[in-house]
Amino acid sequence: MWIQRSAIRRVPEYARVPEVVLEGIRGSLTEDEDEARDVLDAAFDRFERLQPELMNHLGKSLGQPLDETALALGYFLALAVWLAFERAHADRLLEVTPDIITSTVEALELDEELRRADPNETLESDDIVAMEQPAVISFIHEQVRSAVEANADDVDVADIHKIYQMVLVEVLTLSYAVEQPEGYPVAKIEMMA
C-alpha cells in the first residue's frame, strides 16, 4: 500500500485487470493479422453498444488532426483497453456516464497541475495510474514504445502524448465503472477510500 497525495481516486483492488488478461490479449492480437482484425472489429461493435458515452469521448480525441501513427495507435489502444476490461470484468462492468468521464478528466488535469506546482514531486500522474492499474499501463507503455520505435522518423510525439492522455482517461473511467463483487469485504473498500 502506498500513501501519496493525488487528485486521482484510488482504483479498488477488485477493479484491477490481471496481467494474465493482458497476456491473452497480446496473444490474440499478435498471432494472426486476420484473426486480430476480427477480434478488434467485434470488440469495436460491443464497445460502441455497451459504452456509448465513453466511445463518444474517445471519438472526439481520435477525431482531432493526428498523424497516422498516433491515430492507429489510438484506435488500437482504445480497443485493447476495452477488451482487457471486458475480459476481466464483463459481468460487473457498468456503463460509463458523462459525469464519470468529466470528473476523471478533471481529476487528471488537477493532479498534473498539483505535481507541476510542487518542486519536490517526483511522480507523474501516469505513475499514479500505473500504481492503480499496473498490468494495463505496462501494456500501454509497451505498445507506445513499439509504435514510436517503428515510426521514429515520422512520428509526432505531441500526437502520441494526446493519445496517451486519452487512454489514461479510458483506463480510469473503466476502472471506476467496475461494480463491487458480491461479498467483497466492506472494510477493504473503506480503507481504500
Foldseek 3Di string as FASTA:
>chain_A
DDDDDALAAFQAPLLAQDLVLLVVLCVQLPDDPVSNVVLLVVLVVCCCVQAVVLVVVLCVLLVPDFDPLLNVLLSVLLSSLSSRSCVSFVVFFHHQDPVLLVSLLVRLVVRQVVQVVDPPRDDHSVVVLCVRHVSSVVSSVVSLVVSCVVPVVDHDVVSNVSSVSSSSSVNSRRSVRGHDDPPDDPVSVVVSD
